[in-house]
Protein backbone atom coordinates (compact mmCIF):
# COMPACT_ATOMS: atom_id res chain seq x y z
CA MET A 1 0.73 -13.15 -2.30
CA LYS A 2 3.55 -10.62 -2.06
CA GLY A 3 5.85 -12.91 -4.04
CA GLY A 4 3.06 -13.33 -6.54
CA VAL A 5 2.81 -9.58 -6.99
CA ILE A 6 6.46 -9.36 -8.05
CA LEU A 7 6.00 -12.11 -10.63
CA LEU A 8 2.72 -10.55 -11.73
CA ILE A 9 4.42 -7.24 -12.31
CA ASN A 10 7.25 -8.82 -14.24
CA ARG A 11 4.94 -11.09 -16.19
CA ILE A 12 2.57 -8.36 -17.35
CA GLU A 13 5.49 -6.22 -18.45
CA ILE A 14 7.32 -9.14 -20.08
CA LEU A 15 4.20 -10.33 -21.92
CA ARG A 16 3.48 -6.77 -23.07
CA LYS A 17 7.03 -6.26 -24.33
CA ASN A 18 7.13 -9.70 -25.98
CA ALA A 19 3.99 -8.69 -27.87
CA ASN A 20 5.76 -5.46 -28.93
CA LEU A 21 3.09 -3.36 -27.28
CA SER A 22 3.42 -0.06 -25.52
CA ARG A 23 1.32 0.42 -22.41
CA ARG A 24 -0.84 2.78 -24.44
CA LYS A 25 -1.53 0.15 -27.11
CA LEU A 26 -2.24 -2.51 -24.49
CA ALA A 27 -4.61 -0.10 -22.75
CA LEU A 28 -6.48 0.52 -26.00
CA LYS A 29 -6.72 -3.19 -26.86
CA THR A 30 -7.82 -4.32 -23.38
CA ASN A 31 -9.80 -1.26 -22.31
CA ILE A 32 -7.68 -1.09 -19.13
CA PRO A 33 -6.54 2.46 -18.33
CA GLU A 34 -2.89 3.06 -19.15
CA ALA A 35 -2.32 4.57 -15.70
CA ASN A 36 -3.56 1.34 -14.12
CA LEU A 37 -1.20 -0.74 -16.27
CA ARG A 38 1.66 1.52 -15.19
CA ARG A 39 0.74 1.01 -11.50
CA TYR A 40 0.49 -2.78 -11.94
CA GLU A 41 3.90 -2.94 -13.58
CA ALA A 42 5.40 -0.67 -10.92
CA GLY A 43 3.92 -2.84 -8.16
CA LYS A 44 1.91 0.01 -6.69
CA THR A 45 -1.48 -1.70 -6.98
CA GLU A 46 -2.73 -5.19 -7.57
CA PRO A 47 -5.30 -5.78 -10.34
CA LYS A 48 -8.78 -7.04 -9.49
CA LEU A 49 -9.74 -10.53 -10.61
CA GLU A 50 -11.73 -9.19 -13.58
CA THR A 51 -8.66 -7.27 -14.78
CA LEU A 52 -6.44 -10.32 -14.36
CA GLU A 53 -8.92 -12.36 -16.41
CA LYS A 54 -8.94 -9.70 -19.13
CA LEU A 55 -5.12 -9.62 -19.30
CA ALA A 56 -4.87 -13.42 -19.20
CA ASP A 57 -7.39 -13.75 -22.04
CA PHE A 58 -5.59 -11.11 -24.08
CA PHE A 59 -2.16 -12.72 -23.71
CA GLY A 60 -3.48 -16.29 -23.91
CA VAL A 61 -2.10 -17.29 -20.50
CA SER A 62 -3.64 -18.48 -17.27
CA VAL A 63 -4.44 -16.11 -14.44
CA ALA A 64 -2.34 -18.35 -12.18
CA TYR A 65 0.63 -17.69 -14.48
CA LEU A 66 0.08 -13.91 -14.27
CA ILE A 67 0.00 -13.89 -10.46
CA GLY A 68 2.93 -16.27 -10.09
CA GLU A 69 1.02 -19.27 -8.75
CA SER A 70 2.00 -21.35 -11.76
CA ASN A 71 4.70 -21.45 -14.40
CA ILE A 72 2.29 -22.97 -16.89
CA LYS A 73 1.28 -20.32 -19.39
CA GLU A 74 -1.63 -22.17 -20.99
CA PRO A 75 -5.05 -20.88 -20.01
CA TYR A 76 -7.11 -22.88 -17.57
CA ASN A 77 -9.66 -25.32 -18.78
CA LYS A 78 -13.19 -24.79 -17.50
CA TRP A 79 -12.72 -26.86 -14.33
CA SER A 80 -9.44 -25.38 -13.21
CA LYS A 81 -10.76 -21.87 -13.91
CA ALA A 82 -13.71 -22.59 -11.63
CA ASP A 83 -11.22 -23.94 -9.09
CA PHE A 84 -9.26 -20.69 -9.32
CA LEU A 85 -12.40 -18.63 -8.76
CA TYR A 86 -13.18 -20.76 -5.73
CA SER A 87 -9.65 -20.43 -4.36
CA GLU A 88 -9.92 -16.64 -4.76
CA TYR A 89 -13.18 -16.75 -2.80
CA LEU A 90 -11.51 -18.82 -0.06
CA ARG A 91 -8.58 -16.39 0.11
CA LEU A 92 -10.90 -13.41 0.56
CA SER A 93 -13.05 -15.33 3.03
CA ASP A 94 -9.97 -16.25 5.09
CA LYS A 95 -8.87 -12.60 5.06
CA LEU A 96 -12.28 -11.53 6.36
CA GLU A 97 -12.19 -14.22 9.04
CA THR A 98 -8.70 -13.15 10.15
CA GLU A 99 -9.87 -9.53 10.43
CA TYR A 100 -12.85 -10.61 12.53
CA GLU A 101 -10.69 -12.76 14.82
CA ALA A 102 -8.42 -9.76 15.43
CA TYR A 103 -11.50 -7.69 16.19
CA LEU A 104 -12.74 -10.28 18.70
CA SER A 105 -9.37 -10.34 20.42
CA GLU A 106 -9.37 -6.54 20.69
CA PHE A 107 -12.96 -6.62 22.00
CA SER A 108 -12.03 -9.21 24.62
CA ASN A 109 -9.11 -7.05 25.79
CA LYS A 110 -11.37 -3.98 26.12
CA ILE A 111 -13.84 -5.93 28.26
CA LYS A 112 -10.98 -7.18 30.44
CA ASP A 113 -9.63 -3.63 30.81
CA ILE A 114 -13.02 -2.35 31.97
CA ASN A 115 -13.47 -5.12 34.49
CA THR A 116 -9.91 -5.37 35.85
CA ILE A 117 -9.92 -1.84 37.22
CA GLU A 118 -12.54 -2.82 39.77
CA ASN A 119 -11.78 -1.48 43.20
CA PRO A 120 -13.56 -2.65 46.37
CA ASN A 121 -14.00 1.00 47.31
CA ASP A 122 -15.83 1.86 44.06
CA ASP A 123 -19.11 3.62 44.63
CA GLU A 124 -22.37 2.76 42.90
CA ASN A 125 -21.87 5.45 40.21
CA THR A 126 -18.46 4.03 39.28
CA LEU A 127 -19.87 0.50 39.06
CA ASN A 128 -22.81 1.71 36.98
CA HIS A 129 -20.41 3.57 34.68
CA ARG A 130 -18.32 0.40 34.24
CA ILE A 131 -21.47 -1.64 33.51
CA GLY A 132 -22.58 1.01 31.02
CA LYS A 133 -19.21 0.90 29.22
CA THR A 134 -19.46 -2.90 29.06
CA PHE A 135 -22.95 -2.75 27.55
CA ASN A 136 -21.86 -0.10 25.05
CA LEU A 137 -19.03 -2.39 23.95
CA LEU A 138 -21.44 -5.32 23.66
CA PHE A 139 -23.85 -3.28 21.53
CA GLN A 140 -20.99 -2.09 19.33
CA ALA A 141 -19.75 -5.67 19.00
CA GLU A 142 -23.21 -6.82 17.92
CA LYS A 143 -23.31 -4.07 15.28
CA ASP A 144 -19.81 -4.97 14.08
CA LEU A 145 -20.71 -8.67 13.92
CA LEU A 146 -23.64 -7.81 11.66
CA GLU A 147 -21.29 -5.79 9.42
CA TYR A 148 -18.87 -8.73 9.16
CA LYS A 149 -21.76 -11.06 8.33
CA GLN A 150 -22.91 -8.60 5.65
CA LYS A 151 -19.40 -8.48 4.16
CA HIS A 152 -19.29 -12.28 4.09
CA ILE A 153 -22.70 -12.46 2.41
CA GLU A 154 -21.57 -9.88 -0.17
CA LEU A 155 -18.45 -11.97 -0.80
CA GLU A 156 -20.58 -15.08 -1.34
CA ILE A 157 -22.90 -13.20 -3.72
CA LYS A 158 -19.91 -11.84 -5.66
CA GLN A 159 -18.49 -15.38 -5.91
CA SER A 160 -21.82 -16.72 -7.17
CA GLU A 161 -22.02 -13.94 -9.76
CA ARG A 162 -18.46 -14.65 -10.95
CA LEU A 163 -19.16 -18.35 -11.31
CA ALA A 164 -22.44 -17.62 -13.11
CA ARG A 165 -20.64 -15.26 -15.57
CA TYR A 166 -18.00 -17.90 -16.12
CA GLU A 167 -20.62 -20.61 -16.72
CA ASP A 168 -22.43 -18.32 -19.15
CA ARG A 169 -19.18 -17.83 -21.11
CA THR A 170 -18.39 -21.55 -21.20
CA GLY A 171 -21.96 -22.71 -21.85
CA GLU A 172 -22.00 -24.94 -18.74
């Protein structure tokens, strides 16, 4: 998406200037804070989907055009807009999955580290300590897994709400 951010920045600024609008006027017309518009154009932050939709609606272009995924300026029809919302959901879901896979890899390495330092001369206290560390890691992993599941559920709820808002706007 990094390439998309550059196009996004240029496209928001270009569309704003083509409409002969200052950032201040655009902020007033779209109810997007001027400071946020400045950060988007400077490439310091990336707008949320709702902000992208607001800007796309205002300029009469597609969100895909704003983020550089398409060179077609025309707004999406109802089906391609729903497709975009779904692709955004998949992107966020993939990001969450990648984070969790990295976590699992790190967890696996910690377990290996605990168990590879075993020494035949270890006393019972050392073995019990190692077992305790392993169980602590397992309990932490269970807690973290529940947090990742919660994040995924929240992502699914957010996606459902976005689609419902979209369907309400289109009458579908």
